[in-house]
Amino acid sequence: MKSVTFSDFRSQLKSYLDQVTDDHSQILVKRTRGEDVIIMSRDDYETIMETFHLISNTNNALHLARSLEQIKESLIKKVSLNDLKD
């Protein structure tokens, strides 16, 4: 993760915001007075929040864990969209 000073971030604001949205990266903005902050795109934030929501529910987390285990053990069956219509 890139780390920049507040002054540097402020002077190159557009460039840093473009970088965050284009590369799906995050930037740590270090402040001399106050807590440091992380800058990320809205899309990345929403993805993280959705993932957090899904795993915060015990039933969802268990279901996801079982699904991942099935994938690792090759216990999944590929189906086409046409197969689902039947």
Protein backbone atom coordinates (compact mmCIF):
# COMPACT_ATOMS: atom_id res chain seq x y z
CA MET A 1 0.00 0.00 0.00
CA LYS A 2 1.33 3.38 -0.96
CA SER A 3 1.91 5.83 1.90
CA VAL A 4 1.96 9.60 1.36
CA THR A 5 1.95 12.69 3.53
CA PHE A 6 -1.17 14.80 3.78
CA SER A 7 0.62 17.69 2.02
CA ASP A 8 1.68 15.44 -0.86
CA PHE A 9 -1.82 13.97 -1.12
CA ARG A 10 -3.39 17.41 -1.18
CA SER A 11 -1.00 18.72 -3.83
CA GLN A 12 -1.61 15.71 -6.11
CA LEU A 13 -5.22 14.98 -5.19
CA LYS A 14 -6.56 14.26 -8.70
CA SER A 15 -3.63 12.02 -9.58
CA TYR A 16 -3.99 9.98 -6.39
CA LEU A 17 -7.76 9.66 -6.74
CA ASP A 18 -7.35 8.51 -10.35
CA GLN A 19 -4.75 5.97 -9.25
CA VAL A 20 -7.05 4.56 -6.55
CA THR A 21 -10.00 4.16 -8.91
CA ASP A 22 -8.00 2.96 -11.92
CA ASP A 23 -5.78 0.44 -10.11
CA HIS A 24 -8.12 -0.61 -7.28
CA SER A 25 -5.32 0.32 -4.89
CA GLN A 26 -5.44 2.04 -1.54
CA ILE A 27 -3.39 4.97 -0.27
CA LEU A 28 -2.43 5.58 3.34
CA VAL A 29 -2.47 9.32 4.04
CA LYS A 30 -0.22 10.08 7.01
CA ARG A 31 -1.15 13.11 9.07
CA THR A 32 1.06 14.90 11.58
CA ARG A 33 -1.94 15.95 13.63
CA GLY A 34 -4.75 13.47 13.69
CA GLU A 35 -5.28 9.86 12.77
CA ASP A 36 -4.00 8.51 9.46
CA VAL A 37 -6.62 7.64 6.84
CA ILE A 38 -6.96 5.14 4.01
CA ILE A 39 -8.25 6.27 0.62
CA MET A 40 -9.98 3.67 -1.57
CA SER A 41 -12.51 3.66 -4.37
CA ARG A 42 -16.20 3.47 -3.64
CA ASP A 43 -16.43 0.23 -5.60
CA ASP A 44 -13.71 -1.39 -3.47
CA TYR A 45 -15.35 -0.11 -0.28
CA GLU A 46 -18.74 -1.52 -1.28
CA THR A 47 -17.15 -4.88 -2.12
CA ILE A 48 -15.47 -5.04 1.29
CA MET A 49 -18.67 -4.07 3.08
CA GLU A 50 -20.69 -6.69 1.17
CA THR A 51 -18.13 -9.35 2.06
CA PHE A 52 -18.18 -8.24 5.69
CA HIS A 53 -21.98 -8.42 5.71
CA LEU A 54 -21.98 -11.92 4.22
CA ILE A 55 -19.47 -13.33 6.68
CA SER A 56 -20.87 -11.52 9.73
CA ASN A 57 -23.90 -13.82 9.63
CA THR A 58 -22.90 -17.21 11.07
CA ASN A 59 -25.09 -19.19 8.67
CA ASN A 60 -23.71 -17.35 5.65
CA ALA A 61 -20.14 -17.77 6.86
CA LEU A 62 -20.61 -21.52 7.37
CA HIS A 63 -22.27 -21.90 3.96
CA LEU A 64 -19.43 -20.00 2.27
CA ALA A 65 -16.82 -22.06 4.12
CA ARG A 66 -18.51 -25.31 3.05
CA SER A 67 -18.72 -24.08 -0.54
CA LEU A 68 -15.02 -23.20 -0.58
CA GLU A 69 -14.20 -26.63 0.84
CA GLN A 70 -16.26 -28.29 -1.91
CA ILE A 71 -14.35 -26.31 -4.53
CA LYS A 72 -11.00 -27.34 -3.01
CA GLU A 73 -12.06 -30.99 -2.97
CA SER A 74 -13.42 -30.79 -6.54
CA LEU A 75 -16.89 -31.77 -5.34
CA ILE A 76 -18.60 -29.26 -7.58
CA LYS A 77 -20.41 -29.94 -10.82
CA LYS A 78 -20.36 -27.46 -13.68
CA VAL A 79 -23.72 -26.71 -15.22
CA SER A 80 -24.74 -24.43 -18.02
CA LEU A 81 -27.53 -21.89 -17.84
CA ASN A 82 -29.58 -24.15 -20.07
CA ASP A 83 -29.24 -26.97 -17.51
CA LEU A 84 -30.67 -24.67 -14.85
CA LYS A 85 -33.77 -23.96 -16.94
CA ASP A 86 -34.80 -27.62 -16.97
